[in-house]
Amino acid sequence: MSSRDKARTLFKSKGLTYADLTRENVQELRYIINKKMMGSKLLDDSYRCRPRCQFQPDNAGGFWAGIRCKSRYFGDREAVSFNRDGFIGFGGWADDKNVVPIVDGFEQWVNEVMT
């Protein structure tokens, strides 16, 4: 099982659903992941979260939420996305090394903020 799959399983195993998400706790997730990115020194020590979370409700009672990231090499890529279909995405662009701060931050958030 990949680290991304383990993170998704952790979210479900804690009984969490999208109904538990708020702007505030998604912003807290952004803060934790950003701290992990900065501490990782990856991508020439330029790996960071973008300053604002995206949170878009829809008319059907669902929503899409996302945290974007940047570095010296790119300006706007997925860090975490909570998709309307229930799939949680983790750095779809990233290899197994560059996704570590994202997944580690998500797991810390689940264990410390959401439970």
PDB file of N, CA and C in Angstrom:
ATOM      1  N   MET A   1       0.852  -1.185   0.000  1.00  0.00           N
ATOM      2  CA  MET A   1       0.000   0.000   0.000  1.00  0.00           C
ATOM      3  C   MET A   1       0.891   1.240   0.000  1.00  0.00           C
ATOM      4  N   SER A   2       0.588   2.182  -0.859  1.00  0.00           N
ATOM      5  CA  SER A   2       1.384   3.412  -0.947  1.00  0.00           C
ATOM      6  C   SER A   2       1.127   4.315   0.255  1.00  0.00           C
ATOM      7  N   SER A   3       2.025   5.263   0.474  1.00  0.00           N
ATOM      8  CA  SER A   3       1.833   6.210   1.579  1.00  0.00           C
ATOM      9  C   SER A   3       0.561   7.027   1.378  1.00  0.00           C
ATOM     10  N   ARG A   4       0.222   7.317   0.127  1.00  0.00           N
ATOM     11  CA  ARG A   4      -1.015   8.049  -0.155  1.00  0.00           C
ATOM     12  C   ARG A   4      -2.230   7.220   0.260  1.00  0.00           C
ATOM     13  N   ASP A   5      -2.212   5.942  -0.092  1.00  0.00           N
ATOM     14  CA  ASP A   5      -3.323   5.061   0.278  1.00  0.00           C
ATOM     15  C   ASP A   5      -3.424   4.897   1.791  1.00  0.00           C
ATOM     16  N   LYS A   6      -2.287   4.820   2.464  1.00  0.00           N
ATOM     17  CA  LYS A   6      -2.295   4.717   3.930  1.00  0.00           C
ATOM     18  C   LYS A   6      -2.924   5.962   4.556  1.00  0.00           C
ATOM     19  N   ALA A   7      -2.635   7.122   4.002  1.00  0.00           N
ATOM     20  CA  ALA A   7      -3.214   8.364   4.522  1.00  0.00           C
ATOM     21  C   ALA A   7      -4.729   8.380   4.325  1.00  0.00           C
ATOM     22  N   ARG A   8      -5.190   7.922   3.163  1.00  0.00           N
ATOM     23  CA  ARG A   8      -6.640   7.847   2.917  1.00  0.00           C
ATOM     24  C   ARG A   8      -7.298   6.863   3.880  1.00  0.00           C
ATOM     25  N   THR A   9      -6.636   5.735   4.113  1.00  0.00           N
ATOM     26  CA  THR A   9      -7.162   4.725   5.033  1.00  0.00           C
ATOM     27  C   THR A   9      -7.217   5.270   6.453  1.00  0.00           C
ATOM     28  N   LEU A  10      -6.203   6.022   6.865  1.00  0.00           N
ATOM     29  CA  LEU A  10      -6.194   6.629   8.198  1.00  0.00           C
ATOM     30  C   LEU A  10      -7.392   7.554   8.368  1.00  0.00           C
ATOM     31  N   PHE A  11      -7.663   8.396   7.391  1.00  0.00           N
ATOM     32  CA  PHE A  11      -8.800   9.319   7.439  1.00  0.00           C
ATOM     33  C   PHE A  11     -10.095   8.546   7.682  1.00  0.00           C
ATOM     34  N   LYS A  12     -10.296   7.483   6.920  1.00  0.00           N
ATOM     35  CA  LYS A  12     -11.516   6.675   7.059  1.00  0.00           C
ATOM     36  C   LYS A  12     -11.541   5.909   8.374  1.00  0.00           C
ATOM     37  N   SER A  13     -10.393   5.382   8.800  1.00  0.00           N
ATOM     38  CA  SER A  13     -10.349   4.567  10.018  1.00  0.00           C
ATOM     39  C   SER A  13     -10.677   5.375  11.268  1.00  0.00           C
ATOM     40  N   LYS A  14     -10.477   6.683  11.208  1.00  0.00           N
ATOM     41  CA  LYS A  14     -10.821   7.560  12.333  1.00  0.00           C
ATOM     42  C   LYS A  14     -12.288   7.972  12.293  1.00  0.00           C
ATOM     43  N   GLY A  15     -13.021   7.450  11.297  1.00  0.00           N
ATOM     44  CA  GLY A  15     -14.440   7.771  11.170  1.00  0.00           C
ATOM     45  C   GLY A  15     -14.698   9.152  10.597  1.00  0.00           C
ATOM     46  N   LEU A  16     -13.714   9.734   9.938  1.00  0.00           N
ATOM     47  CA  LEU A  16     -13.866  11.081   9.393  1.00  0.00           C
ATOM     48  C   LEU A  16     -14.547  11.048   8.032  1.00  0.00           C
ATOM     49  N   THR A  17     -15.319  12.080   7.774  1.00  0.00           N
ATOM     50  CA  THR A  17     -15.964  12.266   6.476  1.00  0.00           C
ATOM     51  C   THR A  17     -15.799  13.731   6.082  1.00  0.00           C
ATOM     52  N   TYR A  18     -16.226  14.047   4.886  1.00  0.00           N
ATOM     53  CA  TYR A  18     -16.166  15.435   4.444  1.00  0.00           C
ATOM     54  C   TYR A  18     -17.030  16.341   5.318  1.00  0.00           C
ATOM     55  N   ALA A  19     -18.032  15.789   5.975  1.00  0.00           N
ATOM     56  CA  ALA A  19     -18.883  16.585   6.865  1.00  0.00           C
ATOM     57  C   ALA A  19     -18.081  17.162   8.034  1.00  0.00           C
ATOM     58  N   ASP A  20     -16.937  16.563   8.334  1.00  0.00           N
ATOM     59  CA  ASP A  20     -16.084  17.045   9.422  1.00  0.00           C
ATOM     60  C   ASP A  20     -15.183  18.204   9.008  1.00  0.00           C
ATOM     61  N   LEU A  21     -15.111  18.474   7.722  1.00  0.00           N
ATOM     62  CA  LEU A  21     -14.210  19.514   7.230  1.00  0.00           C
ATOM     63  C   LEU A  21     -14.834  20.899   7.353  1.00  0.00           C
ATOM     64  N   THR A  22     -14.019  21.833   7.799  1.00  0.00           N
ATOM     65  CA  THR A  22     -14.408  23.245   7.857  1.00  0.00           C
ATOM     66  C   THR A  22     -13.286  24.068   7.224  1.00  0.00           C
ATOM     67  N   ARG A  23     -13.595  25.297   6.926  1.00  0.00           N
ATOM     68  CA  ARG A  23     -12.540  26.181   6.413  1.00  0.00           C
ATOM     69  C   ARG A  23     -11.381  26.257   7.409  1.00  0.00           C
ATOM     70  N   GLU A  24     -11.724  26.307   8.683  1.00  0.00           N
ATOM     71  CA  GLU A  24     -10.709  26.465   9.720  1.00  0.00           C
ATOM     72  C   GLU A  24      -9.798  25.249   9.809  1.00  0.00           C
ATOM     73  N   ASN A  25     -10.374  24.030   9.813  1.00  0.00           N
ATOM     74  CA  ASN A  25      -9.480  22.885   9.956  1.00  0.00           C
ATOM     75  C   ASN A  25      -8.735  22.556   8.664  1.00  0.00           C
ATOM     76  N   VAL A  26      -9.273  22.931   7.509  1.00  0.00           N
ATOM     77  CA  VAL A  26      -8.514  22.791   6.261  1.00  0.00           C
ATOM     78  C   VAL A  26      -7.352  23.791   6.262  1.00  0.00           C
ATOM     79  N   GLN A  27      -7.574  24.977   6.797  1.00  0.00           N
ATOM     80  CA  GLN A  27      -6.483  25.952   6.923  1.00  0.00           C
ATOM     81  C   GLN A  27      -5.420  25.434   7.888  1.00  0.00           C
ATOM     82  N   GLU A  28      -5.830  24.763   8.944  1.00  0.00           N
ATOM     83  CA  GLU A  28      -4.869  24.165   9.875  1.00  0.00           C
ATOM     84  C   GLU A  28      -4.052  23.082   9.170  1.00  0.00           C
ATOM     85  N   LEU A  29      -4.694  22.300   8.312  1.00  0.00           N
ATOM     86  CA  LEU A  29      -3.975  21.307   7.507  1.00  0.00           C
ATOM     87  C   LEU A  29      -2.928  22.004   6.634  1.00  0.00           C
ATOM     88  N   ARG A  30      -3.290  23.104   6.005  1.00  0.00           N
ATOM     89  CA  ARG A  30      -2.345  23.865   5.183  1.00  0.00           C
ATOM     90  C   ARG A  30      -1.141  24.318   6.004  1.00  0.00           C
ATOM     91  N   TYR A  31      -1.406  24.791   7.204  1.00  0.00           N
ATOM     92  CA  TYR A  31      -0.334  25.255   8.086  1.00  0.00           C
ATOM     93  C   TYR A  31       0.635  24.114   8.422  1.00  0.00           C
ATOM     94  N   ILE A  32       0.094  22.952   8.771  1.00  0.00           N
ATOM     95  CA  ILE A  32       0.929  21.802   9.141  1.00  0.00           C
ATOM     96  C   ILE A  32       1.754  21.329   7.946  1.00  0.00           C
ATOM     97  N   ILE A  33       1.113  21.197   6.787  1.00  0.00           N
ATOM     98  CA  ILE A  33       1.840  20.749   5.596  1.00  0.00           C
ATOM     99  C   ILE A  33       2.920  21.760   5.219  1.00  0.00           C
ATOM    100  N   ASN A  34       2.616  23.030   5.297  1.00  0.00           N
ATOM    101  CA  ASN A  34       3.606  24.057   4.964  1.00  0.00           C
ATOM    102  C   ASN A  34       4.830  23.941   5.866  1.00  0.00           C
ATOM    103  N   LYS A  35       4.595  23.710   7.139  1.00  0.00           N
ATOM    104  CA  LYS A  35       5.701  23.544   8.079  1.00  0.00           C
ATOM    105  C   LYS A  35       6.557  22.331   7.706  1.00  0.00           C
ATOM    106  N   LYS A  36       5.898  21.244   7.331  1.00  0.00           N
ATOM    107  CA  LYS A  36       6.618  20.031   6.910  1.00  0.00           C
ATOM    108  C   LYS A  36       7.413  20.293   5.632  1.00  0.00           C
ATOM    109  N   MET A  37       6.818  21.012   4.690  1.00  0.00           N
ATOM    110  CA  MET A  37       7.523  21.327   3.441  1.00  0.00           C
ATOM    111  C   MET A  37       8.769  22.155   3.717  1.00  0.00           C
ATOM    112  N   MET A  38       8.627  23.188   4.536  1.00  0.00           N
ATOM    113  CA  MET A  38       9.768  24.050   4.835  1.00  0.00           C
ATOM    114  C   MET A  38      10.871  23.264   5.536  1.00  0.00           C
ATOM    115  N   GLY A  39      10.494  22.373   6.440  1.00  0.00           N
ATOM    116  CA  GLY A  39      11.479  21.569   7.157  1.00  0.00           C
ATOM    117  C   GLY A  39      12.150  20.506   6.306  1.00  0.00           C
ATOM    118  N   SER A  40      11.531  20.150   5.204  1.00  0.00           N
ATOM    119  CA  SER A  40      12.059  19.071   4.358  1.00  0.00           C
ATOM    120  C   SER A  40      13.285  19.491   3.551  1.00  0.00           C
ATOM    121  N   LYS A  41      13.424  20.779   3.279  1.00  0.00           N
ATOM    122  CA  LYS A  41      14.509  21.312   2.444  1.00  0.00           C
ATOM    123  C   LYS A  41      14.449  20.797   1.003  1.00  0.00           C
ATOM    124  N   LEU A  42      13.331  20.197   0.617  1.00  0.00           N
ATOM    125  CA  LEU A  42      13.184  19.671  -0.737  1.00  0.00           C
ATOM    126  C   LEU A  42      13.072  20.798  -1.759  1.00  0.00           C
ATOM    127  N   LEU A  43      13.341  20.460  -3.006  1.00  0.00           N
ATOM    128  CA  LEU A  43      13.220  21.389  -4.135  1.00  0.00           C
ATOM    129  C   LEU A  43      14.013  22.665  -3.869  1.00  0.00           C
ATOM    130  N   ASP A  44      15.279  22.463  -3.521  1.00  0.00           N
ATOM    131  CA  ASP A  44      16.200  23.574  -3.229  1.00  0.00           C
ATOM    132  C   ASP A  44      15.676  24.473  -2.114  1.00  0.00           C
ATOM    133  N   ASP A  45      15.048  23.854  -1.120  1.00  0.00           N
ATOM    134  CA  ASP A  45      14.522  24.574   0.046  1.00  0.00           C
ATOM    135  C   ASP A  45      13.511  25.651  -0.349  1.00  0.00           C
ATOM    136  N   SER A  46      12.751  25.382  -1.422  1.00  0.00           N
ATOM    137  CA  SER A  46      11.759  26.364  -1.886  1.00  0.00           C
ATOM    138  C   SER A  46      10.333  25.819  -1.845  1.00  0.00           C
ATOM    139  N   TYR A  47      10.135  24.650  -1.262  1.00  0.00           N
ATOM    140  CA  TYR A  47       8.851  23.952  -1.226  1.00  0.00           C
ATOM    141  C   TYR A  47       7.947  24.606  -0.186  1.00  0.00           C
ATOM    142  N   ARG A  48       6.787  25.107  -0.616  1.00  0.00           N
ATOM    143  CA  ARG A  48       5.861  25.807   0.282  1.00  0.00           C
ATOM    144  C   ARG A  48       4.421  25.587  -0.166  1.00  0.00           C
ATOM    145  N   CYS A  49       3.489  25.764   0.770  1.00  0.00           N
ATOM    146  CA  CYS A  49       2.071  25.806   0.408  1.00  0.00           C
ATOM    147  C   CYS A  49       1.731  27.213  -0.068  1.00  0.00           C
ATOM    148  N   ARG A  50       0.815  27.303  -0.976  1.00  0.00           N
ATOM    149  CA  ARG A  50       0.275  28.607  -1.367  1.00  0.00           C
ATOM    150  C   ARG A  50      -0.499  29.143  -0.159  1.00  0.00           C
ATOM    151  N   PRO A  51      -0.619  30.455  -0.006  1.00  0.00           N
ATOM    152  CA  PRO A  51      -1.170  31.017   1.227  1.00  0.00           C
ATOM    153  C   PRO A  51      -2.649  30.758   1.494  1.00  0.00           C
ATOM    154  N   ARG A  52      -3.431  30.521   0.467  1.00  0.00           N
ATOM    155  CA  ARG A  52      -4.874  30.364   0.694  1.00  0.00           C
ATOM    156  C   ARG A  52      -5.354  28.977   0.312  1.00  0.00           C
ATOM    157  N   CYS A  53      -6.254  28.457   1.131  1.00  0.00           N
ATOM    158  CA  CYS A  53      -6.930  27.203   0.796  1.00  0.00           C
ATOM    159  C   CYS A  53      -8.085  27.519  -0.142  1.00  0.00           C
ATOM    160  N   GLN A  54      -8.421  26.562  -0.949  1.00  0.00           N
ATOM    161  CA  GLN A  54      -9.588  26.698  -1.817  1.00  0.00           C
ATOM    162  C   GLN A  54     -10.709  25.869  -1.204  1.00  0.00           C
ATOM    163  N   PHE A  55     -11.894  26.436  -1.160  1.00  0.00           N
ATOM    164  CA  PHE A  55     -13.043  25.759  -0.558  1.00  0.00           C
ATOM    165  C   PHE A  55     -14.262  26.189  -1.351  1.00  0.00           C
ATOM    166  N   GLN A  56     -14.811  25.273  -2.150  1.00  0.00           N
ATOM    167  CA  GLN A  56     -15.893  25.641  -3.055  1.00  0.00           C
ATOM    168  C   GLN A  56     -17.107  24.739  -2.853  1.00  0.00           C
ATOM    169  N   PRO A  57     -18.129  25.215  -2.137  1.00  0.00           N
ATOM    170  CA  PRO A  57     -19.363  24.434  -1.998  1.00  0.00           C
ATOM    171  C   PRO A  57     -20.120  24.385  -3.323  1.00  0.00           C
ATOM    172  N   ASP A  58     -20.957  23.365  -3.462  1.00  0.00           N
ATOM    173  CA  ASP A  58     -21.805  23.304  -4.656  1.00  0.00           C
ATOM    174  C   ASP A  58     -23.274  23.267  -4.245  1.00  0.00           C
ATOM    175  N   ASN A  59     -24.171  23.341  -5.198  1.00  0.00           N
ATOM    176  CA  ASN A  59     -25.610  23.392  -4.918  1.00  0.00           C
ATOM    177  C   ASN A  59     -26.173  22.076  -4.409  1.00  0.00           C
ATOM    178  N   ALA A  60     -25.445  20.992  -4.558  1.00  0.00           N
ATOM    179  CA  ALA A  60     -25.924  19.675  -4.133  1.00  0.00           C
ATOM    180  C   ALA A  60     -25.524  19.350  -2.699  1.00  0.00           C
ATOM    181  N   GLY A  61     -24.944  20.296  -1.989  1.00  0.00           N
ATOM    182  CA  GLY A  61     -24.542  20.063  -0.606  1.00  0.00           C
ATOM    183  C   GLY A  61     -23.136  19.508  -0.481  1.00  0.00           C
ATOM    184  N   GLY A  62     -22.447  19.313  -1.576  1.00  0.00           N
ATOM    185  CA  GLY A  62     -21.066  18.848  -1.552  1.00  0.00           C
ATOM    186  C   GLY A  62     -20.115  20.014  -1.714  1.00  0.00           C
ATOM    187  N   PHE A  63     -18.851  19.708  -1.858  1.00  0.00           N
ATOM    188  CA  PHE A  63     -17.867  20.760  -2.064  1.00  0.00           C
ATOM    189  C   PHE A  63     -16.569  20.161  -2.563  1.00  0.00           C
ATOM    190  N   TRP A  64     -15.699  21.043  -2.959  1.00  0.00           N
ATOM    191  CA  TRP A  64     -14.326  20.706  -3.299  1.00  0.00           C
ATOM    192  C   TRP A  64     -13.447  21.595  -2.447  1.00  0.00           C
ATOM    193  N   ALA A  65     -12.427  21.015  -1.842  1.00  0.00           N
ATOM    194  CA  ALA A  65     -11.474  21.805  -1.068  1.00  0.00           C
ATOM    195  C   ALA A  65     -10.074  21.415  -1.506  1.00  0.00           C
ATOM    196  N   GLY A  66      -9.184  22.367  -1.489  1.00  0.00           N
ATOM    197  CA  GLY A  66      -7.834  22.060  -1.923  1.00  0.00           C
ATOM    198  C   GLY A  66      -6.787  22.964  -1.321  1.00  0.00           C
ATOM    199  N   ILE A  67      -5.594  22.406  -1.241  1.00  0.00           N
ATOM    200  CA  ILE A  67      -4.413  23.136  -0.815  1.00  0.00           C
ATOM    201  C   ILE A  67      -3.411  23.002  -1.955  1.00  0.00           C
ATOM    202  N   ARG A  68      -2.879  24.122  -2.392  1.00  0.00           N
ATOM    203  CA  ARG A  68      -1.947  24.143  -3.515  1.00  0.00           C
ATOM    204  C   ARG A  68      -0.542  24.436  -2.992  1.00  0.00           C
ATOM    205  N   CYS A  69       0.456  24.076  -3.779  1.00  0.00           N
ATOM    206  CA  CYS A  69       1.833  24.312  -3.365  1.00  0.00           C
ATOM    207  C   CYS A  69       2.646  24.923  -4.499  1.00  0.00           C
ATOM    208  N   LYS A  70       3.836  25.373  -4.139  1.00  0.00           N
ATOM    209  CA  LYS A  70       4.726  26.019  -5.103  1.00  0.00           C
ATOM    210  C   LYS A  70       6.173  25.727  -4.709  1.00  0.00           C
ATOM    211  N   SER A  71       7.064  25.992  -5.631  1.00  0.00           N
ATOM    212  CA  SER A  71       8.502  25.922  -5.372  1.00  0.00           C
ATOM    213  C   SER A  71       9.205  26.783  -6.412  1.00  0.00           C
ATOM    214  N   ARG A  72      10.490  26.751  -6.394  1.00  0.00           N
ATOM    215  CA  ARG A  72      11.250  27.497  -7.400  1.00  0.00           C
ATOM    216  C   ARG A  72      10.970  26.962  -8.803  1.00  0.00           C
ATOM    217  N   TYR A  73      10.567  25.702  -8.914  1.00  0.00           N
ATOM    218  CA  TYR A  73      10.379  25.050 -10.212  1.00  0.00           C
ATOM    219  C   TYR A  73       8.958  25.133 -10.759  1.00  0.00           C
ATOM    220  N   PHE A  74       8.002  25.446  -9.914  1.00  0.00           N
ATOM    221  CA  PHE A  74       6.609  25.539 -10.356  1.00  0.00           C
ATOM    222  C   PHE A  74       5.861  26.486  -9.435  1.00  0.00           C
ATOM    223  N   GLY A  75       4.753  27.020  -9.928  1.00  0.00           N
ATOM    224  CA  GLY A  75       4.031  28.028  -9.166  1.00  0.00           C
ATOM    225  C   GLY A  75       2.739  27.577  -8.533  1.00  0.00           C
ATOM    226  N   ASP A  76       2.169  26.467  -9.020  1.00  0.00           N
ATOM    227  CA  ASP A  76       0.834  26.116  -8.530  1.00  0.00           C
ATOM    228  C   ASP A  76       0.512  24.661  -8.864  1.00  0.00           C
ATOM    229  N   ARG A  77       0.703  23.788  -7.874  1.00  0.00           N
ATOM    230  CA  ARG A  77       0.367  22.371  -8.045  1.00  0.00           C
ATOM    231  C   ARG A  77      -0.391  21.871  -6.823  1.00  0.00           C
ATOM    232  N   GLU A  78      -1.054  20.728  -6.995  1.00  0.00           N
ATOM    233  CA  GLU A  78      -1.836  20.123  -5.917  1.00  0.00           C
ATOM    234  C   GLU A  78      -0.941  19.689  -4.760  1.00  0.00           C
ATOM    235  N   ALA A  79      -1.342  20.054  -3.548  1.00  0.00           N
ATOM    236  CA  ALA A  79      -0.780  19.446  -2.345  1.00  0.00           C
ATOM    237  C   ALA A  79      -1.801  18.416  -1.859  1.00  0.00           C
ATOM    238  N   VAL A  80      -2.984  18.887  -1.470  1.00  0.00           N
ATOM    239  CA  VAL A  80      -4.083  17.995  -1.063  1.00  0.00           C
ATOM    240  C   VAL A  80      -5.358  18.492  -1.711  1.00  0.00           C
ATOM    241  N   SER A  81      -6.174  17.562  -2.179  1.00  0.00           N
ATOM    242  CA  SER A  81      -7.499  17.935  -2.686  1.00  0.00           C
ATOM    243  C   SER A  81      -8.538  16.971  -2.141  1.00  0.00           C
ATOM    244  N   PHE A  82      -9.625  17.535  -1.676  1.00  0.00           N
ATOM    245  CA  PHE A  82     -10.801  16.782  -1.247  1.00  0.00           C
ATOM    246  C   PHE A  82     -11.810  16.926  -2.382  1.00  0.00           C
ATOM    247  N   ASN A  83     -11.867  15.925  -3.240  1.00  0.00           N
ATOM    248  CA  ASN A  83     -12.667  16.006  -4.461  1.00  0.00           C
ATOM    249  C   ASN A  83     -14.131  15.672  -4.212  1.00  0.00           C
ATOM    250  N   ARG A  84     -14.992  16.191  -5.067  1.00  0.00           N
ATOM    251  CA  ARG A  84     -16.441  16.002  -4.920  1.00  0.00           C
ATOM    252  C   ARG A  84     -16.846  14.533  -4.912  1.00  0.00           C
ATOM    253  N   ASP A  85     -16.077  13.680  -5.575  1.00  0.00           N
ATOM    254  CA  ASP A  85     -16.418  12.255  -5.636  1.00  0.00           C
ATOM    255  C   ASP A  85     -15.946  11.476  -4.412  1.00  0.00           C
ATOM    256  N   GLY A  86     -15.354  12.168  -3.425  1.00  0.00           N
ATOM    257  CA  GLY A  86     -14.903  11.524  -2.203  1.00  0.00           C
ATOM    258  C   GLY A  86     -13.430  11.131  -2.205  1.00  0.00           C
ATOM    259  N   PHE A  87     -12.763  11.284  -3.332  1.00  0.00           N
ATOM    260  CA  PHE A  87     -11.347  10.927  -3.430  1.00  0.00           C
ATOM    261  C   PHE A  87     -10.500  12.035  -2.823  1.00  0.00           C
ATOM    262  N   ILE A  88      -9.535  11.651  -2.002  1.00  0.00           N
ATOM    263  CA  ILE A  88      -8.580  12.600  -1.444  1.00  0.00           C
ATOM    264  C   ILE A  88      -7.276  12.446  -2.223  1.00  0.00           C
ATOM    265  N   GLY A  89      -6.864  13.521  -2.882  1.00  0.00           N
ATOM    266  CA  GLY A  89      -5.638  13.497  -3.678  1.00  0.00           C
ATOM    267  C   GLY A  89      -4.470  14.095  -2.919  1.00  0.00           C
ATOM    268  N   PHE A  90      -3.311  13.496  -3.112  1.00  0.00           N
ATOM    269  CA  PHE A  90      -2.078  13.963  -2.465  1.00  0.00           C
ATOM    270  C   PHE A  90      -0.993  14.160  -3.516  1.00  0.00           C
ATOM    271  N   GLY A  91      -0.686  15.396  -3.845  1.00  0.00           N
ATOM    272  CA  GLY A  91       0.424  15.693  -4.747  1.00  0.00           C
ATOM    273  C   GLY A  91       0.492  14.775  -5.948  1.00  0.00           C
ATOM    274  N   GLY A  92      -0.559  14.771  -6.753  1.00  0.00           N
ATOM    275  CA  GLY A  92      -0.605  13.885  -7.907  1.00  0.00           C
ATOM    276  C   GLY A  92       0.578  14.044  -8.847  1.00  0.00           C
ATOM    277  N   TRP A  93       1.238  15.145  -8.819  1.00  0.00           N
ATOM    278  CA  TRP A  93       2.406  15.434  -9.652  1.00  0.00           C
ATOM    279  C   TRP A  93       3.693  14.880  -9.042  1.00  0.00           C
ATOM    280  N   ALA A  94       3.669  14.607  -7.711  1.00  0.00           N
ATOM    281  CA  ALA A  94       4.898  14.375  -6.943  1.00  0.00           C
ATOM    282  C   ALA A  94       5.349  12.916  -6.967  1.00  0.00           C
ATOM    283  N   ASP A  95       6.658  12.731  -6.924  1.00  0.00           N
ATOM    284  CA  ASP A  95       7.205  11.387  -6.775  1.00  0.00           C
ATOM    285  C   ASP A  95       7.138  10.997  -5.296  1.00  0.00           C
ATOM    286  N   ASP A  96       7.612   9.787  -4.974  1.00  0.00           N
ATOM    287  CA  ASP A  96       7.517   9.282  -3.605  1.00  0.00           C
ATOM    288  C   ASP A  96       8.319  10.115  -2.606  1.00  0.00           C
ATOM    289  N   LYS A  97       9.332  10.805  -3.049  1.00  0.00           N
ATOM    290  CA  LYS A  97      10.133  11.650  -2.156  1.00  0.00           C
ATOM    291  C   LYS A  97       9.432  12.978  -1.866  1.00  0.00           C
ATOM    292  N   ASN A  98       8.956  13.635  -2.911  1.00  0.00           N
ATOM    293  CA  ASN A  98       8.367  14.966  -2.737  1.00  0.00           C
ATOM    294  C   ASN A  98       6.975  14.949  -2.124  1.00  0.00           C
ATOM    295  N   VAL A  99       6.328  13.792  -2.085  1.00  0.00           N
ATOM    296  CA  VAL A  99       5.005  13.714  -1.470  1.00  0.00           C
ATOM    297  C   VAL A  99       5.094  13.516   0.045  1.00  0.00           C
ATOM    298  N   VAL A 100       6.264  13.144   0.558  1.00  0.00           N
ATOM    299  CA  VAL A 100       6.403  12.827   1.986  1.00  0.00           C
ATOM    300  C   VAL A 100       5.926  13.958   2.900  1.00  0.00           C
ATOM    301  N   PRO A 101       6.339  15.212   2.721  1.00  0.00           N
ATOM    302  CA  PRO A 101       5.849  16.261   3.629  1.00  0.00           C
ATOM    303  C   PRO A 101       4.330  16.435   3.575  1.00  0.00           C
ATOM    304  N   ILE A 102       3.751  16.204   2.414  1.00  0.00           N
ATOM    305  CA  ILE A 102       2.300  16.336   2.257  1.00  0.00           C
ATOM    306  C   ILE A 102       1.588  15.245   3.039  1.00  0.00           C
ATOM    307  N   VAL A 103       2.000  14.002   2.832  1.00  0.00           N
ATOM    308  CA  VAL A 103       1.354  12.871   3.504  1.00  0.00           C
ATOM    309  C   VAL A 103       1.625  12.913   5.005  1.00  0.00           C
ATOM    310  N   ASP A 104       2.861  13.211   5.402  1.00  0.00           N
ATOM    311  CA  ASP A 104       3.175  13.300   6.832  1.00  0.00           C
ATOM    312  C   ASP A 104       2.347  14.390   7.513  1.00  0.00           C
ATOM    313  N   GLY A 105       2.205  15.528   6.854  1.00  0.00           N
ATOM    314  CA  GLY A 105       1.394  16.607   7.410  1.00  0.00           C
ATOM    315  C   GLY A 105      -0.066  16.224   7.522  1.00  0.00           C
ATOM    316  N   PHE A 106      -0.582  15.542   6.509  1.00  0.00           N
ATOM    317  CA  PHE A 106      -1.974  15.091   6.534  1.00  0.00           C
ATOM    318  C   PHE A 106      -2.194  14.119   7.692  1.00  0.00           C
ATOM    319  N   GLU A 107      -1.286  13.164   7.860  1.00  0.00           N
ATOM    320  CA  GLU A 107      -1.430  12.189   8.947  1.00  0.00           C
ATOM    321  C   GLU A 107      -1.347  12.866  10.312  1.00  0.00           C
ATOM    322  N   GLN A 108      -0.455  13.825  10.469  1.00  0.00           N
ATOM    323  CA  GLN A 108      -0.380  14.575  11.728  1.00  0.00           C
ATOM    324  C   GLN A 108      -1.693  15.307  11.982  1.00  0.00           C
ATOM    325  N   TRP A 109      -2.237  15.929  10.972  1.00  0.00           N
ATOM    326  CA  TRP A 109      -3.509  16.658  11.075  1.00  0.00           C
ATOM    327  C   TRP A 109      -4.638  15.727  11.491  1.00  0.00           C
ATOM    328  N   VAL A 110      -4.728  14.568  10.862  1.00  0.00           N
ATOM    329  CA  VAL A 110      -5.776  13.604  11.227  1.00  0.00           C
ATOM    330  C   VAL A 110      -5.629  13.207  12.689  1.00  0.00           C
ATOM    331  N   ASN A 111      -4.415  12.887  13.113  1.00  0.00           N
ATOM    332  CA  ASN A 111      -4.188  12.376  14.466  1.00  0.00           C
ATOM    333  C   ASN A 111      -4.248  13.439  15.554  1.00  0.00           C
ATOM    334  N   GLU A 112      -3.879  14.670  15.247  1.00  0.00           N
ATOM    335  CA  GLU A 112      -3.798  15.698  16.288  1.00  0.00           C
ATOM    336  C   GLU A 112      -4.917  16.727  16.245  1.00  0.00           C
ATOM    337  N   VAL A 113      -5.409  17.048  15.080  1.00  0.00           N
ATOM    338  CA  VAL A 113      -6.422  18.100  14.958  1.00  0.00           C
ATOM    339  C   VAL A 113      -7.820  17.507  14.843  1.00  0.00           C
ATOM    340  N   MET A 114      -7.954  16.452  14.083  1.00  0.00           N
ATOM    341  CA  MET A 114      -9.278  15.936  13.738  1.00  0.00           C
ATOM    342  C   MET A 114      -9.809  14.885  14.707  1.00  0.00           C
ATOM    343  N   THR A 115      -8.991  14.411  15.635  1.00  0.00           N
ATOM    344  CA  THR A 115      -9.490  13.391  16.580  1.00  0.00           C
ATOM    345  C   THR A 115      -9.343  13.844  18.009  1.00  0.00           C
TER     346      THR A 115
END
